[in-house]
N, C-alpha and C. Protein backbone atom coordinates (compact mmCIF):
# COMPACT_ATOMS: atom_id res chain seq x y z
N MET A 1 8.36 -36.05 -34.72
CA MET A 1 8.59 -34.71 -34.44
C MET A 1 7.40 -34.54 -33.62
N ASP A 2 6.11 -34.56 -34.37
CA ASP A 2 4.85 -33.93 -33.86
C ASP A 2 4.59 -34.77 -32.75
N LYS A 3 4.75 -35.92 -32.61
CA LYS A 3 3.96 -36.82 -31.62
C LYS A 3 4.91 -36.51 -30.55
N HIS A 4 5.71 -35.81 -30.13
CA HIS A 4 6.59 -35.52 -28.87
C HIS A 4 6.30 -33.84 -28.66
N ARG A 5 5.36 -33.07 -29.34
CA ARG A 5 5.09 -31.73 -29.07
C ARG A 5 3.97 -31.64 -28.02
N PRO A 6 3.01 -32.42 -28.26
CA PRO A 6 1.84 -32.82 -27.11
C PRO A 6 2.87 -32.74 -25.46
N ARG A 7 3.67 -33.84 -25.37
CA ARG A 7 4.37 -33.84 -24.28
C ARG A 7 5.20 -32.60 -23.69
N TRP A 8 5.79 -32.07 -24.86
CA TRP A 8 6.74 -30.89 -24.55
C TRP A 8 5.61 -29.81 -23.99
N ARG A 9 4.56 -29.58 -24.47
CA ARG A 9 3.47 -28.58 -23.89
C ARG A 9 2.71 -29.11 -22.53
N ASN A 10 2.97 -29.95 -22.57
CA ASN A 10 2.32 -30.74 -20.96
C ASN A 10 3.46 -30.61 -20.02
N PHE A 11 4.77 -30.56 -20.54
CA PHE A 11 5.72 -30.45 -19.18
C PHE A 11 5.73 -29.17 -19.22
N GLN A 12 5.65 -28.28 -20.15
CA GLN A 12 5.89 -26.53 -19.98
C GLN A 12 4.73 -26.46 -19.30
N ARG A 13 3.59 -26.82 -19.22
CA ARG A 13 2.51 -26.31 -18.43
C ARG A 13 2.70 -26.51 -16.79
N GLN A 14 2.82 -28.03 -16.80
CA GLN A 14 3.61 -28.08 -15.25
C GLN A 14 4.69 -27.42 -14.79
N ILE A 15 5.68 -27.20 -15.35
CA ILE A 15 6.74 -26.30 -14.84
C ILE A 15 5.84 -24.84 -14.54
N PHE A 16 5.24 -24.32 -15.19
CA PHE A 16 4.61 -22.72 -15.22
C PHE A 16 3.77 -23.07 -13.81
N ARG A 17 2.71 -24.18 -13.66
CA ARG A 17 2.29 -24.00 -12.47
C ARG A 17 2.73 -24.10 -11.47
N LYS A 18 3.80 -25.34 -11.45
CA LYS A 18 4.87 -25.42 -10.18
C LYS A 18 5.53 -23.74 -9.59
N SER A 19 5.99 -23.17 -10.84
CA SER A 19 6.70 -22.14 -10.47
C SER A 19 5.58 -20.86 -10.06
N ASP A 20 4.46 -21.09 -10.45
CA ASP A 20 3.48 -19.79 -10.01
C ASP A 20 3.33 -20.47 -8.65
N ARG A 21 2.85 -21.51 -8.25
CA ARG A 21 2.54 -21.96 -7.10
C ARG A 21 3.93 -21.99 -5.98
N LYS A 22 5.00 -21.78 -6.25
CA LYS A 22 6.03 -21.61 -5.52
C LYS A 22 6.06 -19.78 -5.46
N LEU A 23 5.75 -19.24 -6.37
CA LEU A 23 5.86 -17.48 -6.06
C LEU A 23 4.83 -16.82 -5.41
N LYS A 24 3.56 -17.65 -5.31
CA LYS A 24 2.58 -17.33 -4.78
C LYS A 24 2.91 -17.76 -3.05
N ALA A 25 3.60 -18.77 -3.13
CA ALA A 25 3.82 -19.32 -1.58
C ALA A 25 4.80 -18.24 -0.99
N ARG A 26 5.66 -17.78 -1.90
CA ARG A 26 6.69 -16.77 -1.14
C ARG A 26 5.95 -15.63 -1.07
N ARG A 27 5.10 -15.24 -1.84
CA ARG A 27 4.71 -13.81 -1.53
C ARG A 27 3.66 -14.05 -0.28
N GLU A 28 3.27 -15.15 0.04
CA GLU A 28 2.21 -15.13 1.15
C GLU A 28 3.00 -15.49 2.10
N ALA A 29 3.97 -15.84 2.35
CA ALA A 29 4.50 -16.22 3.29
C ALA A 29 5.41 -14.84 3.80
N LYS A 30 5.53 -14.15 2.91
CA LYS A 30 6.32 -12.70 3.27
C LYS A 30 5.27 -12.01 3.64
N ASN A 31 4.14 -11.72 3.21
CA ASN A 31 2.99 -11.06 3.67
C ASN A 31 2.86 -10.93 5.03
N ILE A 32 2.99 -12.40 5.81
CA ILE A 32 2.63 -12.48 6.82
C ILE A 32 3.40 -11.76 8.05
N TRP A 33 4.96 -12.16 7.87
CA TRP A 33 5.73 -11.66 8.27
C TRP A 33 6.02 -10.28 7.81
N PHE A 34 5.92 -10.06 6.70
CA PHE A 34 6.42 -8.72 6.23
C PHE A 34 5.26 -7.49 7.12
N GLY A 35 3.80 -8.05 7.24
CA GLY A 35 2.89 -7.30 7.80
C GLY A 35 3.12 -6.68 9.06
N LEU A 36 3.59 -8.05 10.38
CA LEU A 36 3.64 -7.92 11.47
C LEU A 36 4.89 -6.80 11.62
N GLY A 37 6.25 -7.09 10.69
CA GLY A 37 7.05 -6.20 10.89
C GLY A 37 6.71 -4.70 10.52
N MET A 38 6.05 -4.68 9.39
CA MET A 38 5.81 -3.31 9.29
C MET A 38 4.76 -2.35 10.37
N PHE A 39 4.05 -3.58 10.90
CA PHE A 39 2.98 -2.64 11.58
C PHE A 39 3.70 -2.43 13.25
N GLY A 40 5.08 -3.18 13.30
CA GLY A 40 5.77 -2.62 14.46
C GLY A 40 6.49 -1.56 14.35
N MET A 41 6.99 -1.56 13.03
CA MET A 41 8.04 -0.18 12.38
C MET A 41 6.89 1.11 12.46
N VAL A 42 5.91 0.64 12.00
CA VAL A 42 4.89 2.06 11.77
C VAL A 42 4.80 2.57 13.22
N GLY A 43 4.52 1.59 14.21
CA GLY A 43 3.99 2.08 15.59
C GLY A 43 5.24 2.75 16.06
N TRP A 44 6.44 2.00 16.13
CA TRP A 44 7.63 2.95 16.69
C TRP A 44 7.92 4.09 16.07
N SER A 45 7.80 4.23 14.79
CA SER A 45 8.31 5.10 14.19
C SER A 45 7.13 6.57 14.08
N VAL A 46 6.05 6.14 14.87
CA VAL A 46 5.35 7.38 15.40
C VAL A 46 5.24 7.84 16.92
N ALA A 47 5.69 6.70 17.64
CA ALA A 47 5.69 6.83 18.93
C ALA A 47 7.04 7.32 19.73
N ILE A 48 8.46 7.07 18.71
CA ILE A 48 9.55 7.83 19.25
C ILE A 48 9.38 9.29 18.94
N PRO A 49 9.19 9.81 17.99
CA PRO A 49 9.02 11.11 17.71
C PRO A 49 8.08 11.86 18.56
N SER A 50 6.84 11.02 18.92
CA SER A 50 5.76 11.80 19.90
C SER A 50 6.50 11.60 21.31
N LEU A 51 7.53 10.37 22.03
CA LEU A 51 7.72 10.63 23.24
C LEU A 51 8.97 11.58 23.25
N LEU A 52 9.63 11.72 22.18
CA LEU A 52 10.60 12.84 22.22
C LEU A 52 10.34 14.22 22.22
N GLY A 53 8.67 14.42 21.42
CA GLY A 53 8.28 15.97 21.71
C GLY A 53 7.68 16.18 22.96
N ILE A 54 7.30 15.02 23.72
CA ILE A 54 6.79 15.47 24.70
C ILE A 54 7.88 15.47 25.93
N GLY A 55 8.78 14.56 25.70
CA GLY A 55 10.05 15.14 26.81
C GLY A 55 10.62 16.31 26.66
N LEU A 56 11.17 16.90 25.60
CA LEU A 56 11.49 18.18 25.34
C LEU A 56 10.57 18.91 25.66
N GLY A 57 9.30 18.98 25.37
CA GLY A 57 8.48 20.01 25.82
C GLY A 57 8.22 20.05 27.07
N VAL A 58 8.11 19.35 28.01
CA VAL A 58 8.00 19.13 29.63
C VAL A 58 9.33 19.85 30.24
N TRP A 59 10.44 19.75 29.42
CA TRP A 59 11.83 20.03 29.83
C TRP A 59 11.66 21.61 29.56
N ILE A 60 11.14 21.94 28.59
CA ILE A 60 10.93 23.33 28.01
C ILE A 60 9.97 24.09 29.25
N ASP A 61 8.74 23.24 29.46
CA ASP A 61 7.93 23.86 30.07
C ASP A 61 8.18 23.77 31.87
N THR A 62 9.08 23.45 32.11
CA THR A 62 9.70 23.30 33.59
C THR A 62 10.81 24.26 33.69
N HIS A 63 11.31 24.73 32.33
CA HIS A 63 12.64 25.48 32.58
C HIS A 63 12.15 26.88 32.25
N ILE A 64 11.26 27.19 31.32
CA ILE A 64 10.69 28.59 30.56
C ILE A 64 9.18 28.72 30.85
N GLN A 65 8.84 29.89 31.66
CA GLN A 65 7.75 29.98 31.66
C GLN A 65 7.14 30.98 30.24
N SER A 66 5.93 30.37 30.11
CA SER A 66 5.17 30.85 28.56
C SER A 66 3.94 30.38 28.65
N LYS A 67 2.70 31.20 28.18
CA LYS A 67 1.49 31.34 28.24
C LYS A 67 1.25 30.17 27.42
N TYR A 68 1.96 29.52 26.28
CA TYR A 68 1.92 28.27 25.56
C TYR A 68 2.25 26.91 26.00
N SER A 69 1.85 26.13 25.70
CA SER A 69 2.18 24.73 26.16
C SER A 69 3.06 24.12 25.42
N TRP A 70 4.66 24.14 25.70
CA TRP A 70 5.00 23.42 24.87
C TRP A 70 5.03 21.98 24.49
N THR A 71 4.73 21.42 25.71
CA THR A 71 4.55 19.72 25.66
C THR A 71 3.52 19.70 24.60
N LEU A 72 2.23 20.38 24.48
CA LEU A 72 1.41 19.86 23.62
C LEU A 72 1.60 20.39 22.23
N MET A 73 2.32 21.20 21.95
CA MET A 73 2.67 21.59 20.35
C MET A 73 3.78 20.92 20.04
N LEU A 74 4.84 20.17 20.78
CA LEU A 74 6.01 19.42 20.43
C LEU A 74 5.21 17.97 20.15
N LEU A 75 4.18 17.70 21.29
CA LEU A 75 3.66 16.44 20.82
C LEU A 75 3.09 16.28 19.48
N VAL A 76 2.17 17.44 19.08
CA VAL A 76 1.38 17.46 17.70
C VAL A 76 2.61 17.29 16.66
N ILE A 77 3.71 17.92 16.93
CA ILE A 77 4.85 18.38 15.94
C ILE A 77 5.55 16.83 15.83
N GLY A 78 5.53 16.13 16.83
CA GLY A 78 6.17 14.55 17.29
C GLY A 78 5.19 13.74 16.64
N VAL A 79 3.97 13.97 16.56
CA VAL A 79 2.94 12.85 15.92
C VAL A 79 3.03 13.11 14.52
N ALA A 80 3.13 14.41 14.38
CA ALA A 80 3.20 14.68 12.64
C ALA A 80 4.20 14.42 11.86
N LEU A 81 5.61 14.36 12.69
CA LEU A 81 7.00 13.75 12.00
C LEU A 81 6.72 12.33 11.79
N GLY A 82 6.05 11.66 13.29
CA GLY A 82 6.24 10.05 12.82
C GLY A 82 5.40 9.70 11.78
N CYS A 83 4.02 10.34 11.80
CA CYS A 83 3.64 9.86 10.75
C CYS A 83 4.23 10.18 9.42
N LEU A 84 4.54 11.12 9.28
CA LEU A 84 5.38 11.39 7.87
C LEU A 84 6.60 10.15 7.40
N ASN A 85 7.24 9.93 8.81
CA ASN A 85 8.37 8.88 8.84
C ASN A 85 7.27 7.54 8.42
N ALA A 86 6.38 7.10 8.85
CA ALA A 86 5.85 6.16 8.75
C ALA A 86 5.27 5.67 7.32
N TRP A 87 4.82 7.03 6.94
CA TRP A 87 4.10 7.24 5.35
C TRP A 87 5.16 6.75 4.68
N TYR A 88 6.30 7.51 4.66
CA TYR A 88 7.90 7.19 4.08
C TYR A 88 8.14 5.79 4.00
N TRP A 89 8.32 5.33 5.15
CA TRP A 89 8.63 3.80 5.08
C TRP A 89 7.75 2.98 4.18
N ILE A 90 6.44 2.88 4.36
CA ILE A 90 5.63 2.39 3.67
C ILE A 90 5.76 2.30 2.49
N SER A 91 5.36 3.73 1.98
CA SER A 91 5.60 3.78 0.18
C SER A 91 7.13 3.27 0.02
N LYS A 92 8.13 3.39 0.85
CA LYS A 92 9.43 2.87 0.13
C LYS A 92 9.19 1.31 0.08
N GLU A 93 8.86 0.35 1.20
CA GLU A 93 8.84 -0.84 1.05
C GLU A 93 7.35 -1.18 0.17
N SER A 94 6.67 -0.45 -0.31
CA SER A 94 5.51 -0.91 -1.18
C SER A 94 6.24 -0.70 -2.79
N GLN A 95 6.85 -0.04 -2.87
CA GLN A 95 7.60 0.26 -4.27
C GLN A 95 8.55 -0.91 -4.53
N SER A 96 9.20 -1.42 -3.61
CA SER A 96 10.03 -2.03 -3.50
C SER A 96 9.77 -3.63 -4.12
N ASP A 97 8.32 -3.88 -3.62
CA ASP A 97 7.45 -5.05 -4.47
C ASP A 97 7.51 -4.98 -5.74
């Protein structure tokens, strides 16, 4: 029985090394595409509310006279909402890992 024990431990080490390499490869492959996808998602999640804020602000400015610029106010609100949205998605995705 004892003469088979070193072979068994060798076999276990090989399995652990291969599984570690496979898991590392999966994580690295995910990081490349995950990073690109996250980059695009963050960009769109900030750009869309900003553009909606600008559009609504321009419409309000052309239809209602005011001493304040609705375009600038809604742009700032849109950027802030977009940043909060991006932060939410990034924190949600980082927790799932």
